Every structure is written in C-alpha cells, then in structure tokens.
Amino acid sequence: MNKNSFAKFPPMGWNSYDYYDTTVTEAAVRANAEYMAEHLKPFGWEYIIIDIEWYSHKPGSMREQFQYIPFAGVEMDEYSRLLPDPERFPSSRNGAGFKPLADYIHSLGLRFGIHIMRGIPRIAAHLHTKIKGCGLTADMAADPSSICRWNPDMYGLRNTEAGQAYYDSLLELYASWGVDFIKCDDICNTNNQSILQENAYAGHHEIEMLANAIQKCGRSIVLSLSPGPALIDQAWHYEKYANMWRITDDLWDDWKMVKNMFYRCELWQNHVSEGCYPDCDMLPLGQIGKGFGEERSSRLTYTEQRTLMSLWCIFGSPLMLGAEMTKLDDRTLSLLTNTEVLKLLDPACRARQICRDETRAVWSAENKQEGTRYLALFNLSDETQELSVHLDEPEADSLSLKELWTGDLLAFDGTVVNVHLPAHGCVLYQAV
C-alpha cells in the first residue's frame, strides 16, 4: 500500500482535545459522531478522533495542579500496549478495546482515529512486560533517556528489533480495532520549544518505525504527527513517512496565533500535495475549553474565524474541529459547510502567496483540472483598510469575481482589485 493513497484529500474531522482535554468519554464521542453524521458528513467531514490519555485512570481529577497526572494508573494489556480506560469507555471491557466504538462510528459512515504518545509506557519498561511476537520485553525496547518534556507516560523507543516489534504489535492491535487515523504526539518536534536545538528531531527514527508498522498491518491508517512547529529542513522526511505534520504548536482562539500562521503557511506552501499535508492545527471555533476548566465560546470574532477558515482552505490544510459539536450555533456551522470554500482543499488546487507584510497578505490558487481560479485578500492589521492587488488578466472582459462567503459579485477590469476590509478581515474570490 502507498501511504499517499491513505489520504487523497486533506482529512476533515473532529478531535476531542480542544473541548475535553484528557477527559473525553465514550458517550461524548458517540454524541459528536452522531452530530457529524447528520450535519457535517455531507460536506466531507468524516474523522472522529479521540485525543490524549484515553488509557489513563481518573484523568483531569487534578487539573489545577497537573494537565497530565505524574505516573497515573493506566490500562494496559500483557504485551505492553495501552487499552481504553473502561470507566470512561465501557464498551472496551473484556479486551474489546476500541473495536465496539469504532464499529459504531463506521456504521455512521465515518472514520475512527486515536491519539498516541511516541514510545512505550514507562510502567511497561519498569515491569519488564512482554512484547508480542518475540521473546523480548519492554525494557529492551525503551530508551530511558528519551523522555517527553510535558507528558510523563512514555519512554521513547530504540531503533532496534525490540522497538520495531513493539510498534508492529501496536499497529496489529489498532488494525484489529478498525482504527483509520493515528495522531502521534511528541514526535514532529521533540523540543516543542525551539526549532534551533540539536535534538528537535530526536524522534525521526520512530516516525519511520511507525510508518513501517502501518505498511505491515494490512489497513490504511493515516499518520498525523504532532506537535509543531515542524522543521522545514526535514520536509522531505515528513513527506516520505507521514500524511500530516503540524507546522505550529497548539493553536488556540487568539488572533496573534492566527496571524502567525500566515508566516508558517508561506514557509510550507510548496509542500502540499496529495497524501502529504502540512497541518495548521485544529479549528478553535464554537464551544471549547471545558476540560481545561474554562468552557467558552471561541474568543476569535466571526470576522477572524472566517479569515482562519479562508487561510486553512486556500493553503490546503487538514481541517480538525475542536468544538463540542452538539453545541454548534448556526453561524459557526455555516463556516464549516460552505461547499465552495471547501473545494479549495482539493490537492489539485495549487495555491501560492503573492505578497505578505505586517498589514496584509494576498494568496491565489488555481485548479487546472477544473479550470477554476481563486484570489484571497487578508487585512492583517488592527485597523480597517483598503487593499489593492494588481493582476494581469487579458480575458477580464468576460470575468467577474464571486466572493465565496457572501455570494457578492465584483466587477473586474483585469488589472486591479480594490477592497475595503475590516481589521483582521478577508475576501475570498473565485473568478466566474
């Protein structure tokens, strides 16, 4: 199997992290899956992803002190593989794992995914538990010097027979559950602080080991790498072994973070292709933050949310919604279901940045297969301003520009597009 065929289109789905943090339950996953199947699936949304620490006992119970409780109890099988916490995921009892939940999500016409941390459980290494399919044990695979800076659950894996055997057994289990998507953490950038330190790509061999295990498991499983910022000098490596890789650290509902993504998209614009997607991170829209102790509506204004969606789509990023979907309002839903905007995600639609500075950015895109062209103008300043872009369109007499969020038509003389935009606002045109 070719990994590029695992994701011919940028994955679109829901991830539990922004709303639930470590505390998501089976009931919540089912409710969000049902909402997606009814309201979003017709527009291309299909992945349901359970994020971090689904295997932990009592996660979130010490949230004021720890996001990840140090050395908390975990659910694990005899072969050192983490299992769902049966208190939160009751259908996983008696060794069923995530298969019953995955089967239900598949029955809705959706795809199922999980988050994992790079490596092997520390407790498995300390107890010398078995690795399936060989006579080796977890302590032989673990690298005790390879430790995540922010999560205490795992040791990294050595690039050895034992390490590969562990990942092979893990993917064998996930394939039997029906997993379609893996988000692997502490692997895209192992510093998560500075892209300049020498060990920022210390997990590169584990990316290769995971990719090898996926190829062996007999199931098409999308591989997504976190956290960012991804290392541009390793673009070839991400493209060879993964389907998605985060180009930023966690992105939240803060305009400064959104504005910074224009720089990051400029850096990565030439590395978007079928099956290979630089990832702008989740969409911090709707209701988020409950698991962090602060349930709130997105702090981004509607204008800023539309700008975010326009950039993610014209750039060609995967779209992962972090909100509690059952609480989506109509205006947020309208941002997620604009079919004309979502068509920009097609890998055949190649985009480029025309210009960018502190106050503005301009992008264009063309889908040569369909003969469609697009233009996006962004006001990055904190003030209302008029933006102009000079173009050369010899067939302008037969062209108009349709704004894809409003449906408004703009007459075009073939040379200059002038627009008056609010602070942090944008327009997204298709030539018609």
Protein backbone atom coordinates (compact mmCIF):
# COMPACT_ATOMS: atom_id res chain seq x y z
CA MET A 1 0.00 0.00 0.00
CA ASN A 2 1.16 3.52 -0.78
CA LYS A 3 0.76 5.87 2.19
CA ASN A 4 -0.23 8.71 -0.13
CA SER A 5 -3.38 6.78 -1.02
CA PHE A 6 -4.44 6.82 2.65
CA ALA A 7 -5.47 10.49 2.40
CA LYS A 8 -6.15 11.64 -1.14
CA PHE A 9 -7.91 14.69 0.32
CA PRO A 10 -6.87 16.67 3.43
CA PRO A 11 -8.56 14.89 6.35
CA MET A 12 -11.59 16.70 7.76
CA GLY A 13 -12.96 15.74 11.15
CA TRP A 14 -13.38 16.31 14.87
CA ASN A 15 -10.81 15.95 17.63
CA SER A 16 -11.77 15.82 21.31
CA TYR A 17 -8.85 17.87 22.67
CA ASP A 18 -9.96 21.50 22.49
CA TYR A 19 -13.16 20.85 24.42
CA TYR A 20 -12.41 17.81 26.62
CA ASP A 21 -8.62 17.84 27.08
CA THR A 22 -7.91 14.46 28.79
CA THR A 23 -11.48 13.83 30.00
CA VAL A 24 -13.42 12.68 26.94
CA THR A 25 -15.83 9.76 27.40
CA GLU A 26 -17.41 7.20 25.11
CA ALA A 27 -20.79 8.88 25.48
CA ALA A 28 -19.34 12.20 24.34
CA VAL A 29 -17.58 10.60 21.37
CA ARG A 30 -20.78 8.88 20.28
CA ALA A 31 -22.81 12.09 20.59
CA ASN A 32 -20.32 14.05 18.49
CA ALA A 33 -20.13 11.29 15.91
CA GLU A 34 -23.90 11.27 15.59
CA TYR A 35 -23.91 15.05 15.10
CA MET A 36 -21.22 14.83 12.43
CA ALA A 37 -23.04 12.08 10.56
CA GLU A 38 -26.23 14.14 10.48
CA HIS A 39 -24.92 17.67 9.92
CA LEU A 40 -21.35 17.62 8.55
CA LYS A 41 -20.74 14.35 6.72
CA PRO A 42 -22.46 15.56 3.51
CA PHE A 43 -19.80 18.29 3.31
CA GLY A 44 -16.79 15.96 3.58
CA TRP A 45 -16.31 15.80 7.36
CA GLU A 46 -15.65 12.18 8.32
CA TYR A 47 -13.00 11.61 11.04
CA ILE A 48 -13.76 11.21 14.75
CA ILE A 49 -10.50 11.40 16.73
CA ILE A 50 -10.11 10.58 20.44
CA ASP A 51 -7.24 12.66 21.76
CA ILE A 52 -4.77 12.27 24.59
CA GLU A 53 -4.78 9.84 27.55
CA TRP A 54 -7.78 7.69 26.68
CA TYR A 55 -5.92 4.95 28.57
CA SER A 56 -5.43 6.90 31.84
CA HIS A 57 -7.34 6.37 35.07
CA LYS A 58 -9.04 9.46 36.56
CA PRO A 59 -7.56 11.98 34.10
CA GLY A 60 -8.45 15.58 34.82
CA SER A 61 -9.02 14.87 38.52
CA MET A 62 -6.01 17.03 39.50
CA ARG A 63 -6.38 19.62 36.73
CA GLU A 64 -5.49 22.60 38.93
CA GLN A 65 -2.06 21.04 39.52
CA PHE A 66 -1.39 18.83 36.51
CA GLN A 67 -2.65 18.53 32.99
CA TYR A 68 -1.12 15.05 32.91
CA ILE A 69 -1.03 13.41 36.35
CA PRO A 70 2.52 12.16 37.02
CA PHE A 71 2.73 8.38 36.69
CA ALA A 72 -1.01 7.88 36.98
CA GLY A 73 -2.57 4.46 36.60
CA VAL A 74 -3.07 3.27 33.04
CA GLU A 75 -4.94 0.43 31.36
CA MET A 76 -2.52 -1.97 29.63
CA ASP A 77 -2.53 -5.49 28.21
CA GLU A 78 0.04 -8.25 28.79
CA TYR A 79 2.02 -7.11 25.74
CA SER A 80 2.74 -3.56 27.00
CA ARG A 81 0.01 -2.00 24.83
CA LEU A 82 -2.26 0.66 26.30
CA LEU A 83 -6.01 -0.01 26.29
CA PRO A 84 -9.00 2.31 26.72
CA ASP A 85 -9.93 3.22 30.29
CA PRO A 86 -13.04 1.04 30.89
CA GLU A 87 -14.55 3.57 33.29
CA ARG A 88 -14.80 6.16 30.53
CA PHE A 89 -15.15 3.72 27.61
CA PRO A 90 -17.37 0.92 28.93
CA SER A 91 -17.67 -0.89 25.59
CA SER A 92 -13.92 -1.58 25.76
CA ARG A 93 -14.26 -4.02 28.67
CA ASN A 94 -13.22 -7.67 28.48
CA GLY A 95 -10.44 -7.00 26.00
CA ALA A 96 -12.69 -5.46 23.34
CA GLY A 97 -10.60 -2.30 23.14
CA PHE A 98 -11.90 0.38 20.82
CA LYS A 99 -13.44 -2.09 18.36
CA PRO A 100 -17.08 -1.69 19.50
CA LEU A 101 -16.80 2.11 19.39
CA ALA A 102 -15.01 2.05 16.04
CA ASP A 103 -17.67 -0.29 14.65
CA TYR A 104 -20.38 2.15 15.74
CA ILE A 105 -18.61 5.12 14.15
CA HIS A 106 -18.09 3.14 10.95
CA SER A 107 -21.81 2.28 10.95
CA LEU A 108 -22.49 6.03 10.72
CA GLY A 109 -20.35 6.23 7.58
CA LEU A 110 -17.48 7.90 9.43
CA ARG A 111 -13.84 7.05 10.16
CA PHE A 112 -12.27 6.47 13.58
CA GLY A 113 -8.96 7.73 14.95
CA ILE A 114 -6.93 7.88 18.15
CA HIS A 115 -4.10 9.89 19.65
CA ILE A 116 -0.95 8.15 20.87
CA MET A 117 2.26 9.30 22.50
CA ARG A 118 5.56 8.34 20.89
CA GLY A 119 7.17 5.32 22.51
CA ILE A 120 6.30 2.63 25.06
CA PRO A 121 4.67 3.00 28.52
CA ARG A 122 7.23 3.68 31.24
CA ILE A 123 5.42 1.29 33.56
CA ALA A 124 5.86 -1.49 30.98
CA ALA A 125 9.61 -0.91 30.90
CA HIS A 126 9.81 -0.89 34.69
CA LEU A 127 7.84 -4.14 34.97
CA HIS A 128 9.67 -5.83 32.07
CA THR A 129 6.36 -6.78 30.44
CA LYS A 130 6.31 -8.72 27.16
CA ILE A 131 6.32 -7.51 23.58
CA LYS A 132 4.04 -9.60 21.38
CA GLY A 133 5.54 -11.75 18.67
CA CYS A 134 9.05 -12.04 20.04
CA GLY A 135 10.90 -13.12 23.15
CA LEU A 136 11.78 -9.53 24.05
CA THR A 137 10.46 -7.26 26.80
CA ALA A 138 9.57 -3.60 27.11
CA ASP A 139 12.76 -2.67 28.95
CA MET A 140 14.77 -3.91 25.94
CA ALA A 141 12.85 -1.58 23.62
CA ALA A 142 12.64 1.53 25.80
CA ASP A 143 15.15 4.36 25.69
CA PRO A 144 15.07 5.87 29.21
CA SER A 145 16.99 8.93 28.02
CA SER A 146 14.20 9.78 25.56
CA ILE A 147 11.53 11.48 27.65
CA CYS A 148 8.75 13.83 26.62
CA ARG A 149 9.11 17.31 28.13
CA TRP A 150 5.44 17.67 29.02
CA ASN A 151 3.84 14.23 29.35
CA PRO A 152 5.06 11.55 31.83
CA ASP A 153 3.53 8.44 30.28
CA MET A 154 6.15 7.09 27.89
CA TYR A 155 9.78 6.38 27.12
CA GLY A 156 10.92 6.73 23.54
CA LEU A 157 11.78 3.58 21.60
CA ARG A 158 15.22 2.49 20.49
CA ASN A 159 15.72 1.85 16.79
CA THR A 160 16.14 -1.87 17.39
CA GLU A 161 14.42 -5.18 16.72
CA ALA A 162 12.56 -4.81 20.03
CA GLY A 163 11.44 -1.28 19.20
CA GLN A 164 10.11 -2.24 15.77
CA ALA A 165 8.44 -5.35 17.19
CA TYR A 166 6.57 -3.16 19.68
CA TYR A 167 5.26 -0.77 17.03
CA ASP A 168 4.35 -3.73 14.81
CA SER A 169 2.29 -5.24 17.63
CA LEU A 170 0.68 -1.90 18.35
CA LEU A 171 -0.48 -1.41 14.77
CA GLU A 172 -1.66 -5.01 14.60
CA LEU A 173 -3.92 -4.21 17.57
CA TYR A 174 -5.13 -0.90 16.14
CA ALA A 175 -5.92 -2.52 12.79
CA SER A 176 -7.99 -5.18 14.58
CA TRP A 177 -9.95 -2.40 16.31
CA GLY A 178 -10.64 -0.65 13.00
CA VAL A 179 -8.51 2.46 13.54
CA ASP A 180 -8.32 4.69 10.44
CA PHE A 181 -6.20 7.55 11.77
CA ILE A 182 -3.34 7.93 14.27
CA LYS A 183 -2.23 11.24 15.69
CA CYS A 184 1.21 10.59 17.18
CA ASP A 185 2.48 13.17 19.67
CA ASP A 186 5.95 14.22 20.86
CA ILE A 187 7.38 13.23 17.50
CA CYS A 188 7.05 16.02 14.91
CA ASN A 189 9.21 18.33 17.00
CA THR A 190 10.58 16.72 20.16
CA ASN A 191 11.61 20.06 21.69
CA ASN A 192 8.25 21.81 21.49
CA GLN A 193 10.15 24.92 22.50
CA SER A 194 12.78 25.83 19.93
CA ILE A 195 13.36 24.61 16.40
CA LEU A 196 17.03 25.56 16.81
CA GLN A 197 18.13 22.98 19.37
CA GLU A 198 20.04 19.98 18.10
CA ASN A 199 17.57 17.36 19.32
CA ALA A 200 14.43 18.86 17.81
CA TYR A 201 14.03 15.80 15.57
CA ALA A 202 15.11 13.15 18.04
CA GLY A 203 12.08 11.01 17.18
CA HIS A 204 12.75 10.78 13.46
CA HIS A 205 13.54 7.04 13.60
CA GLU A 206 10.23 6.42 15.39
CA ILE A 207 8.37 8.11 12.53
CA GLU A 208 9.97 5.58 10.19
CA MET A 209 9.19 2.68 12.55
CA LEU A 210 5.54 3.73 12.80
CA ALA A 211 5.28 4.08 9.04
CA ASN A 212 6.79 0.62 8.59
CA ALA A 213 4.33 -0.86 11.10
CA ILE A 214 1.40 0.77 9.29
CA GLN A 215 2.54 -0.72 6.00
CA LYS A 216 2.64 -4.18 7.60
CA CYS A 217 -0.70 -4.01 9.44
CA GLY A 218 -2.93 -4.53 6.41
CA ARG A 219 -5.09 -1.45 6.99
CA SER A 220 -4.97 2.06 5.50
CA ILE A 221 -4.19 4.27 8.51
CA VAL A 222 -3.49 7.98 8.14
CA LEU A 223 -0.40 9.07 10.14
CA SER A 224 -0.52 12.56 11.66
CA LEU A 225 2.49 13.99 13.53
CA SER A 226 2.42 16.46 16.44
CA PRO A 227 3.32 18.85 17.93
CA GLY A 228 4.92 21.56 15.80
CA PRO A 229 6.50 23.60 14.63
CA ALA A 230 7.62 21.08 12.02
CA LEU A 231 11.17 21.53 10.77
CA ILE A 232 11.27 22.85 7.22
CA ASP A 233 14.65 21.22 6.56
CA GLN A 234 13.00 17.86 7.28
CA ALA A 235 10.12 18.41 4.84
CA TRP A 236 11.30 15.51 2.66
CA HIS A 237 11.22 13.16 5.66
CA TYR A 238 7.69 14.14 6.73
CA GLU A 239 6.50 13.76 3.15
CA LYS A 240 8.07 10.31 2.79
CA TYR A 241 6.74 8.76 6.01
CA ALA A 242 3.64 10.71 7.15
CA ASN A 243 0.39 12.13 5.80
CA MET A 244 0.11 15.18 8.09
CA TRP A 245 2.57 17.12 10.22
CA ARG A 246 1.91 20.09 12.44
CA ILE A 247 3.54 23.33 11.36
CA THR A 248 2.69 25.09 14.62
CA ASP A 249 2.47 24.34 18.31
CA ASP A 250 -1.07 24.13 19.75
CA LEU A 251 -3.19 26.83 18.14
CA TRP A 252 -5.91 28.50 20.22
CA ASP A 253 -8.51 31.23 19.85
CA ASP A 254 -6.02 34.10 19.81
CA TRP A 255 -5.65 36.44 16.83
CA LYS A 256 -1.87 36.69 17.32
CA MET A 257 -1.62 32.93 16.80
CA VAL A 258 -3.80 33.08 13.70
CA LYS A 259 -1.76 35.95 12.25
CA ASN A 260 1.44 33.95 12.80
CA MET A 261 0.03 31.18 10.61
CA PHE A 262 0.40 33.39 7.54
CA TYR A 263 4.18 33.18 8.02
CA ARG A 264 4.01 29.42 8.59
CA CYS A 265 1.85 28.84 5.52
CA GLU A 266 4.29 30.90 3.45
CA LEU A 267 7.10 28.65 4.69
CA TRP A 268 5.28 25.42 3.81
CA GLN A 269 3.22 26.38 0.72
CA ASN A 270 5.34 24.33 -1.69
CA HIS A 271 4.99 21.12 0.33
CA VAL A 272 1.25 20.49 -0.04
CA SER A 273 0.42 17.54 -2.27
CA GLU A 274 -1.93 14.56 -2.43
CA GLY A 275 -1.39 12.46 0.69
CA CYS A 276 1.05 14.99 2.22
CA TYR A 277 -0.37 17.89 4.20
CA PRO A 278 1.36 20.49 6.37
CA ASP A 279 -1.14 20.84 9.23
CA CYS A 280 -2.24 24.24 10.56
CA ASP A 281 -3.73 22.53 13.68
CA MET A 282 -7.29 22.42 14.91
CA LEU A 283 -10.04 24.96 14.31
CA PRO A 284 -10.65 26.75 17.65
CA LEU A 285 -14.26 27.56 16.82
CA GLY A 286 -17.53 27.08 18.71
CA GLN A 287 -17.55 25.95 22.35
CA ILE A 288 -14.13 24.89 23.65
CA GLY A 289 -12.13 24.65 26.89
CA LYS A 290 -14.35 22.61 29.21
CA GLY A 291 -11.66 20.06 30.09
CA PHE A 292 -9.28 22.91 30.89
CA GLY A 293 -11.74 24.36 33.40
CA GLU A 294 -12.90 27.23 31.20
CA GLU A 295 -15.73 26.38 28.85
CA ARG A 296 -16.14 29.30 26.50
CA SER A 297 -17.19 30.41 23.06
CA SER A 298 -14.23 30.99 20.77
CA ARG A 299 -12.53 34.30 21.52
CA LEU A 300 -12.00 34.84 17.81
CA THR A 301 -14.51 37.23 16.31
CA TYR A 302 -16.65 35.96 13.47
CA THR A 303 -14.54 38.03 11.08
CA GLU A 304 -11.36 36.37 12.42
CA GLN A 305 -12.93 32.91 12.19
CA ARG A 306 -13.77 33.50 8.55
CA THR A 307 -10.19 34.63 7.92
CA LEU A 308 -8.88 31.48 9.62
CA MET A 309 -11.10 29.22 7.53
CA SER A 310 -10.12 31.05 4.34
CA LEU A 311 -6.39 30.62 5.02
CA TRP A 312 -6.64 26.96 6.08
CA CYS A 313 -8.65 26.14 2.94
CA ILE A 314 -6.68 28.05 0.31
CA PHE A 315 -3.43 26.71 1.81
CA GLY A 316 -4.81 23.14 1.77
CA SER A 317 -4.52 22.24 5.46
CA PRO A 318 -6.42 19.35 7.06
CA LEU A 319 -9.46 20.60 8.99
CA MET A 320 -9.98 19.28 12.52
CA LEU A 321 -12.71 20.90 14.59
CA GLY A 322 -12.07 21.07 18.34
CA ALA A 323 -15.50 22.24 19.46
CA GLU A 324 -18.27 20.32 21.18
CA MET A 325 -20.28 19.76 18.03
CA THR A 326 -23.61 19.27 19.76
CA LYS A 327 -23.36 22.94 20.83
CA LEU A 328 -22.54 24.43 17.43
CA ASP A 329 -24.56 27.51 16.53
CA ASP A 330 -25.83 28.18 13.02
CA ARG A 331 -23.22 30.82 12.21
CA THR A 332 -20.31 28.55 13.14
CA LEU A 333 -21.94 25.69 11.25
CA SER A 334 -22.14 27.91 8.17
CA LEU A 335 -18.35 28.37 8.26
CA LEU A 336 -17.88 24.59 8.19
CA THR A 337 -20.36 23.78 5.44
CA ASN A 338 -19.59 26.27 2.67
CA THR A 339 -19.07 23.87 -0.21
CA GLU A 340 -17.50 26.48 -2.48
CA VAL A 341 -14.84 27.31 0.12
CA LEU A 342 -14.20 23.65 0.98
CA LYS A 343 -13.49 22.88 -2.70
CA LEU A 344 -10.22 24.78 -2.25
CA LEU A 345 -8.91 21.84 -0.19
CA ASP A 346 -8.62 19.66 -3.30
CA PRO A 347 -4.88 18.89 -3.72
CA ALA A 348 -5.35 19.67 -7.42
CA CYS A 349 -5.96 23.27 -6.34
CA ARG A 350 -2.44 24.66 -6.06
CA ALA A 351 -2.01 27.86 -4.05
CA ARG A 352 0.74 30.44 -3.73
CA GLN A 353 1.24 33.57 -1.72
CA ILE A 354 1.51 36.71 -3.84
CA CYS A 355 2.64 39.03 -1.06
CA ARG A 356 2.72 39.42 2.73
CA ASP A 357 3.78 42.01 5.28
CA GLU A 358 2.63 43.02 8.74
CA THR A 359 -0.60 44.55 7.46
CA ARG A 360 -1.76 42.34 4.60
CA ALA A 361 -1.44 39.06 2.76
CA VAL A 362 -2.62 38.01 -0.69
CA TRP A 363 -2.98 34.43 -1.94
CA SER A 364 -4.03 32.98 -5.28
CA ALA A 365 -4.92 29.43 -6.27
CA GLU A 366 -5.78 27.53 -9.42
CA ASN A 367 -7.35 24.16 -10.02
CA LYS A 368 -6.25 23.36 -13.55
CA GLN A 369 -8.29 20.18 -13.64
CA GLU A 370 -11.49 22.17 -13.14
CA GLY A 371 -10.30 25.44 -14.68
CA THR A 372 -11.12 27.44 -11.54
CA ARG A 373 -9.08 30.32 -10.14
CA TYR A 374 -9.20 31.98 -6.74
CA LEU A 375 -7.92 35.11 -5.04
CA ALA A 376 -7.85 35.86 -1.30
CA LEU A 377 -7.01 39.21 0.29
CA PHE A 378 -6.39 39.42 4.04
CA ASN A 379 -6.23 42.52 6.25
CA LEU A 380 -3.73 41.56 8.96
CA SER A 381 -3.74 44.98 10.59
CA ASP A 382 -5.76 46.09 13.60
CA GLU A 383 -7.46 48.83 11.57
CA THR A 384 -9.90 48.95 8.71
CA GLN A 385 -8.02 49.47 5.45
CA GLU A 386 -8.32 49.36 1.70
CA LEU A 387 -6.30 46.67 -0.04
CA SER A 388 -5.31 46.65 -3.69
CA VAL A 389 -3.72 43.92 -5.76
CA HIS A 390 -2.53 44.34 -9.35
CA LEU A 391 -3.22 41.43 -11.68
CA ASP A 392 -2.85 40.78 -15.38
CA GLU A 393 -5.99 39.15 -16.76
CA PRO A 394 -6.21 39.57 -20.55
CA GLU A 395 -9.69 37.94 -20.60
CA ALA A 396 -11.08 40.28 -17.96
CA ASP A 397 -13.96 41.42 -20.13
CA SER A 398 -15.63 38.06 -19.53
CA LEU A 399 -14.73 37.78 -15.81
CA SER A 400 -16.35 38.67 -12.55
CA LEU A 401 -15.16 37.84 -9.06
CA LYS A 402 -17.58 35.98 -6.79
CA GLU A 403 -16.96 36.36 -3.04
CA LEU A 404 -17.43 32.84 -1.72
CA TRP A 405 -18.60 33.76 1.81
CA THR A 406 -21.27 36.27 0.76
CA GLY A 407 -22.02 35.38 -2.85
CA ASP A 408 -21.46 39.02 -3.90
CA LEU A 409 -20.11 39.71 -7.40
CA LEU A 410 -17.33 42.21 -8.06
CA ALA A 411 -16.76 43.70 -11.49
CA PHE A 412 -13.13 43.29 -12.51
CA ASP A 413 -11.27 45.45 -15.05
CA GLY A 414 -8.41 42.99 -15.46
CA THR A 415 -5.73 44.98 -13.68
CA VAL A 416 -6.62 46.00 -10.12
CA VAL A 417 -8.78 44.54 -7.34
CA ASN A 418 -9.65 47.07 -4.63
CA VAL A 419 -11.44 46.05 -1.43
CA HIS A 420 -12.28 47.78 1.85
CA LEU A 421 -11.73 45.31 4.69
CA PRO A 422 -12.32 45.46 8.45
CA ALA A 423 -9.49 44.70 10.85
CA HIS A 424 -8.49 41.01 10.57
CA GLY A 425 -10.98 40.53 7.73
CA CYS A 426 -10.71 38.93 4.32
CA VAL A 427 -12.37 38.33 0.99
CA LEU A 428 -12.16 35.05 -0.91
CA TYR A 429 -12.95 35.33 -4.62
CA GLN A 430 -13.49 32.83 -7.40
CA ALA A 431 -13.21 34.03 -10.98
CA VAL A 432 -16.51 33.36 -12.78
